[in-house]
Protein backbone atom coordinates (compact mmCIF):
# COMPACT_ATOMS: atom_id res chain seq x y z
CA UNK A 1 84.56 -27.86 -8.20
CA UNK A 2 84.51 -31.61 -9.07
CA UNK A 3 81.36 -33.41 -10.36
CA UNK A 4 81.19 -35.06 -6.95
CA UNK A 5 81.36 -31.68 -5.18
CA UNK A 6 78.44 -30.35 -7.37
CA UNK A 7 76.50 -33.30 -6.91
CA UNK A 8 76.61 -32.68 -3.03
CA UNK A 9 76.27 -28.88 -3.13
CA UNK A 10 72.49 -28.27 -2.07
CA UNK A 11 72.52 -24.95 -4.41
CA UNK A 12 74.06 -26.87 -7.41
CA UNK A 13 70.76 -26.40 -8.95
CA UNK A 14 69.37 -22.78 -8.35
CA UNK A 15 65.84 -23.78 -10.05
CA UNK A 16 65.73 -26.39 -7.03
CA UNK A 17 66.64 -24.94 -3.75
CA UNK A 18 66.79 -26.58 -0.64
CA UNK A 19 63.90 -26.87 1.85
CA UNK A 20 64.43 -24.52 4.86
CA UNK A 21 64.13 -26.84 7.79
CA UNK A 22 64.30 -24.30 10.50
CA UNK A 23 61.39 -22.31 9.15
CA UNK A 24 59.38 -25.48 8.58
CA UNK A 25 60.01 -26.15 12.14
CA UNK A 26 58.89 -22.55 13.33
CA UNK A 27 55.72 -22.99 11.50
CA UNK A 28 54.64 -26.50 12.06
CA UNK A 29 55.77 -27.64 15.22
CA UNK A 30 53.68 -26.16 17.79
CA UNK A 31 52.46 -27.19 21.34
CA UNK A 32 49.21 -29.17 21.09
CA UNK A 33 49.87 -29.72 17.56
CA UNK A 34 50.48 -33.27 15.76
CA UNK A 35 53.93 -32.62 14.38
CA UNK A 36 56.59 -33.18 17.09
CA UNK A 37 59.91 -33.30 15.06
CA UNK A 38 60.97 -32.17 11.75
CA UNK A 39 64.12 -33.33 10.21
CA UNK A 40 65.77 -32.74 6.64
CA UNK A 41 68.30 -34.94 5.43
CA UNK A 42 70.31 -34.41 2.15
CA UNK A 43 69.97 -37.91 1.03
CA UNK A 44 68.57 -41.15 2.17
CA UNK A 45 67.54 -44.81 1.02
CA UNK A 46 64.16 -44.41 2.09
CA UNK A 47 62.47 -42.05 4.60
CA UNK A 48 59.83 -44.65 5.42
CA UNK A 49 62.72 -47.42 6.17
CA UNK A 50 64.49 -44.99 8.36
CA UNK A 51 61.56 -43.61 10.24
CA UNK A 52 60.14 -47.43 10.85
CA UNK A 53 63.37 -48.23 12.19
CA UNK A 54 62.87 -45.77 14.99
CA UNK A 55 59.23 -45.78 15.24
CA UNK A 56 59.13 -47.30 18.94
CA UNK A 57 61.33 -44.63 20.14
CA UNK A 58 59.63 -41.84 18.63
CA UNK A 59 56.59 -39.98 19.58
CA UNK A 60 53.61 -39.39 17.41
CA UNK A 61 54.27 -36.75 14.81
CA UNK A 62 57.66 -37.52 13.70
CA UNK A 63 58.30 -35.93 10.21
CA UNK A 64 61.36 -36.93 8.12
CA UNK A 65 62.03 -35.49 5.05
CA UNK A 66 64.53 -36.26 2.27
CA UNK A 67 66.03 -34.01 -0.51
CA UNK A 68 66.75 -37.09 -2.19
CA UNK A 69 65.99 -40.86 -2.29
CA UNK A 70 68.08 -43.71 -3.50
CA UNK A 71 65.55 -46.44 -2.58
CA UNK A 72 62.25 -45.00 -2.46
CA UNK A 73 59.67 -47.50 -2.46
CA UNK A 74 55.85 -47.54 -3.64
CA UNK A 75 53.49 -50.78 -3.28
CA UNK A 76 54.60 -53.64 -4.07
CA UNK A 77 58.22 -52.66 -3.41
CA UNK A 78 58.36 -50.57 -6.67
CA UNK A 79 61.12 -48.39 -7.10
CA UNK A 80 60.65 -44.61 -6.64
CA UNK A 81 63.42 -42.18 -7.99
CA UNK A 82 63.46 -38.43 -8.67
CA UNK A 83 66.55 -36.00 -9.10
CA UNK A 84 67.58 -34.24 -5.87
CA UNK A 85 65.45 -31.45 -4.67
CA UNK A 86 62.93 -32.15 -7.55
CA UNK A 87 59.84 -33.10 -5.47
CA UNK A 88 58.48 -33.76 -1.87
CA UNK A 89 59.69 -36.92 -0.33
CA UNK A 90 58.75 -37.26 3.33
CA UNK A 91 57.37 -40.12 5.71
CA UNK A 92 55.24 -39.25 9.18
CA UNK A 93 54.69 -41.43 12.07
CA UNK A 94 51.41 -41.85 13.28
CA UNK A 95 50.02 -43.81 16.50
CA UNK A 96 46.20 -43.87 16.47
CA UNK A 97 46.12 -46.18 19.54
CA UNK A 98 42.56 -45.06 20.28
CA UNK A 99 41.21 -46.13 16.75
CA UNK A 100 40.37 -49.68 16.03
CA UNK A 101 43.12 -51.40 14.04
CA UNK A 102 40.64 -52.62 11.37
CA UNK A 103 40.15 -49.03 10.47
CA UNK A 104 43.78 -48.20 9.96
CA UNK A 105 43.56 -49.12 6.57
CA UNK A 106 41.64 -45.62 5.93
CA UNK A 107 45.09 -43.94 6.83
CA UNK A 108 46.53 -43.79 3.08
CA UNK A 109 43.25 -42.87 1.75
CA UNK A 110 43.03 -39.83 4.23
CA UNK A 111 46.70 -39.03 3.15
CA UNK A 112 45.61 -38.93 -0.25
CA UNK A 113 42.48 -36.48 0.42
CA UNK A 114 44.73 -34.41 2.61
CA UNK A 115 47.70 -34.11 0.10
CA UNK A 116 45.14 -33.16 -2.80
CA UNK A 117 43.25 -30.65 -0.47
CA UNK A 118 46.66 -28.92 0.42
CA UNK A 119 47.81 -28.80 -3.13
CA UNK A 120 44.81 -27.37 -4.17
CA UNK A 121 44.99 -24.56 -1.40
CA UNK A 122 48.65 -23.97 -2.15
CA UNK A 123 49.00 -24.74 -5.85
CA UNK A 124 45.88 -24.06 -7.46
CA UNK A 125 46.25 -27.48 -8.87
CA UNK A 126 43.64 -30.36 -9.09
CA UNK A 127 44.98 -33.65 -7.87
CA UNK A 128 43.11 -36.55 -8.36
CA UNK A 129 43.03 -39.75 -6.26
CA UNK A 130 43.71 -42.91 -8.24
CA UNK A 131 42.68 -46.07 -5.84
CA UNK A 132 44.14 -47.12 -3.42
CA UNK A 133 47.38 -44.55 -3.37
CA UNK A 134 48.11 -42.95 -6.37
CA UNK A 135 47.93 -38.95 -6.95
CA UNK A 136 46.93 -38.04 -10.55
CA UNK A 137 47.32 -34.67 -12.36
CA UNK A 138 46.30 -33.55 -15.61
CA UNK A 139 49.09 -32.74 -18.38
CA UNK A 140 47.66 -31.22 -21.44
CA UNK A 141 44.77 -33.39 -21.59
CA UNK A 142 46.60 -36.67 -20.18
CA UNK A 143 45.98 -37.84 -16.80
CA UNK A 144 49.31 -38.69 -15.27
CA UNK A 145 50.80 -40.03 -11.77
CA UNK A 146 52.42 -37.22 -10.07
CA UNK A 147 53.01 -39.16 -6.43
CA UNK A 148 52.11 -42.07 -4.46
CA UNK A 149 51.58 -43.05 -0.83
CA UNK A 150 52.83 -45.96 0.98
CA UNK A 151 51.83 -46.95 4.60
CA UNK A 152 53.29 -49.40 6.68
CA UNK A 153 52.88 -51.06 9.84
CA UNK A 154 56.03 -50.32 12.28
CA UNK A 155 57.80 -50.85 15.52
CA UNK A 156 55.31 -53.61 16.92
CA UNK A 157 52.83 -52.66 19.71
CA UNK A 158 54.49 -49.27 20.51
CA UNK A 159 55.26 -48.41 16.86
CA UNK A 160 52.29 -47.28 14.66
CA UNK A 161 51.86 -46.28 11.08
CA UNK A 162 54.57 -44.88 8.85
CA UNK A 163 53.01 -43.23 5.97
CA UNK A 164 55.26 -42.08 3.21
CA UNK A 165 54.50 -39.61 0.23
CA UNK A 166 56.35 -38.94 -2.83
CA UNK A 167 55.49 -36.20 -4.93
CA UNK A 168 56.94 -34.79 -8.07
CA UNK A 169 56.85 -31.03 -8.09
CA UNK A 170 59.48 -29.61 -10.65
CA UNK A 171 60.12 -32.83 -12.59
CA UNK A 172 61.00 -31.68 -16.59
CA UNK A 173 59.44 -33.64 -19.24
CA UNK A 174 62.81 -35.16 -20.20
CA UNK A 175 63.57 -36.31 -16.73
CA UNK A 176 60.32 -38.31 -16.39
CA UNK A 177 61.02 -42.10 -15.54
CA UNK A 178 57.97 -43.12 -17.79
CA UNK A 179 55.82 -41.29 -20.02
CA UNK A 180 52.66 -41.57 -17.82
CA UNK A 181 54.69 -39.85 -15.19
CA UNK A 182 53.72 -36.18 -14.16
CA UNK A 183 54.63 -33.34 -11.80
CA UNK A 184 53.04 -30.16 -10.36
CA UNK A 185 55.29 -27.94 -12.76
CA UNK A 186 54.05 -30.00 -15.92
CA UNK A 187 50.22 -29.51 -14.57
CA UNK A 188 50.60 -25.94 -14.63
CA UNK A 189 50.75 -25.39 -10.79
CA UNK A 190 50.63 -21.48 -9.71
CA UNK A 191 53.76 -22.30 -7.47
CA UNK A 192 56.45 -24.98 -7.25
CA UNK A 193 58.00 -23.61 -4.18
CA UNK A 194 58.36 -26.56 -2.11
CA UNK A 195 58.27 -25.01 1.45
CA UNK A 196 54.61 -23.68 1.17
CA UNK A 197 53.48 -26.87 -0.72
CA UNK A 198 54.80 -29.12 2.22
CA UNK A 199 53.32 -26.73 4.79
CA UNK A 200 50.12 -26.88 3.22
CA UNK A 201 49.92 -30.73 3.00
CA UNK A 202 51.22 -31.28 6.51
CA UNK A 203 48.55 -28.84 7.93
CA UNK A 204 46.07 -30.67 5.84
CA UNK A 205 47.42 -33.79 6.91
CA UNK A 206 47.02 -32.66 10.59
CA UNK A 207 43.43 -31.46 10.19
CA UNK A 208 42.15 -34.47 8.51
CA UNK A 209 43.99 -37.06 10.85
CA UNK A 210 42.32 -34.98 13.91
CA UNK A 211 38.85 -35.17 12.75
CA UNK A 212 39.38 -39.03 11.89
CA UNK A 213 40.79 -39.84 15.18
CA UNK A 214 37.87 -37.93 17.07
CA UNK A 215 35.57 -40.17 15.34
CA UNK A 216 37.03 -43.03 16.26
CA UNK A 217 38.38 -43.51 12.60
CA UNK A 218 34.89 -43.84 11.72
CA UNK A 219 34.76 -42.81 7.70
CA UNK A 220 31.25 -41.79 7.59
CA UNK A 221 31.09 -39.64 10.66
CA UNK A 222 34.51 -38.12 9.95
CA UNK A 223 33.32 -37.33 6.44
CA UNK A 224 36.65 -38.94 4.86
CA UNK A 225 34.67 -41.71 2.97
CA UNK A 226 32.64 -38.72 1.19
CA UNK A 227 35.59 -36.73 0.56
CA UNK A 228 37.51 -39.54 -0.90
CA UNK A 229 34.81 -40.78 -3.14
CA UNK A 230 34.56 -37.10 -4.39
CA UNK A 231 38.20 -36.86 -5.46
CA UNK A 232 38.38 -40.29 -6.48
CA UNK A 233 39.21 -40.51 -10.45
CA UNK A 234 38.96 -44.20 -10.42
CA UNK A 235 34.80 -43.92 -9.62
CA UNK A 236 32.49 -44.36 -12.45
CA UNK A 237 35.31 -45.98 -14.90
CA UNK A 238 35.52 -49.32 -16.15
CA UNK A 239 38.79 -50.86 -14.77
CA UNK A 240 40.69 -53.78 -14.44
CA UNK A 241 41.85 -54.85 -10.56
CA UNK A 242 45.01 -57.25 -11.00
CA UNK A 243 44.92 -59.20 -7.67
CA UNK A 244 47.25 -61.29 -6.11
CA UNK A 245 47.79 -64.95 -7.34
CA UNK A 246 47.50 -63.74 -11.06
CA UNK A 247 43.77 -63.15 -10.90
CA UNK A 248 41.92 -60.35 -12.47
CA UNK A 249 38.23 -58.89 -12.30
CA UNK A 250 37.13 -56.33 -14.70
CA UNK A 251 34.21 -53.93 -14.16
CA UNK A 252 33.08 -50.55 -13.16
CA UNK A 253 34.15 -49.05 -10.39
CA UNK A 254 31.14 -47.92 -8.28
CA UNK A 255 31.93 -47.28 -4.89
CA UNK A 256 34.80 -47.19 -1.84
CA UNK A 257 32.98 -49.03 1.17
CA UNK A 258 33.09 -48.73 4.88
CA UNK A 259 36.53 -50.32 4.93
CA UNK A 260 38.21 -48.43 2.18
CA UNK A 261 37.54 -51.14 -0.22
CA UNK A 262 37.08 -50.47 -4.15
CA UNK A 263 33.78 -51.98 -5.01
CA UNK A 264 33.47 -53.12 -8.84
CA UNK A 265 30.17 -53.90 -10.53
CA UNK A 266 31.42 -56.83 -12.73
CA UNK A 267 30.34 -57.96 -16.00
CA UNK A 268 28.60 -60.84 -14.70
CA UNK A 269 26.30 -58.64 -12.70
CA UNK A 270 28.00 -59.06 -9.21
CA UNK A 271 29.25 -56.26 -7.18
CA UNK A 272 32.89 -57.43 -5.66
CA UNK A 273 35.00 -55.22 -3.36
CA UNK A 274 38.65 -55.46 -3.79
CA UNK A 275 40.74 -54.56 -0.90
CA UNK A 276 44.52 -54.98 -2.57
CA UNK A 277 46.00 -55.18 -5.87
CA UNK A 278 46.80 -52.88 -8.74
CA UNK A 279 43.88 -50.87 -10.69
CA UNK A 280 44.23 -50.11 -14.33
CA UNK A 281 41.96 -47.54 -15.60
CA UNK A 282 40.07 -48.85 -18.92
CA UNK A 283 37.81 -45.79 -19.56
CA UNK A 284 38.33 -42.21 -19.27
CA UNK A 285 36.19 -40.51 -17.11
CA UNK A 286 33.22 -38.72 -18.53
């Protein structure tokens, strides 16, 4: 077998078996449910890009999963890459037409809550949320990033929102792209079998999305705001918010407001909401 053949063979790493697409479809696609289609591709540039390109022609609930991404993206177009079959790399298409557009900004936060809930149930691992879209695990005594979420508008008026999730599952220490990265395996997860993990995450996302949509996207009525705050590792910490335009704010993260913004109590005694930017944790949680 040539090196190229080995790379293309989906069974080339027996510690990382391929996802079972047929089984996933049987268990997740049901009449009256959110998920309407589920496709697994061996390799692509970005599942978000691929799904966004078809958003206008697809019904809500399309799921696209890649065993490997060559151009996965995080916020601010940062690259996300990992070995084939070492994680869960997928995007979903949501079309909450009845929800006011100004509340759609809650979708990446909702996805974070859903992923953390699903992983707790399926893998017995605590996943904390770093505002606005990072998934954190504890490796030893270190808090590390194991995943991220990217939500993008797509397809114009007939499109909706494509929400992408990248999650490191079996990434080994020597494979980490940066020392601050982590994975479920390194965090001591009870299982790293990606099939039940993906099922749990998508079922949790369906449940949370359904409750939020029935509440017309109201984060209080759906209890989403409460759930996010309970799982958010950023709250209670001294942080630096690096904002567009080379501006930065330092303060204590005290709340996530009704618009999903992070509220900082600044050193000048002001409370300032932050809607976009990078957050750097400056003080460990007590």
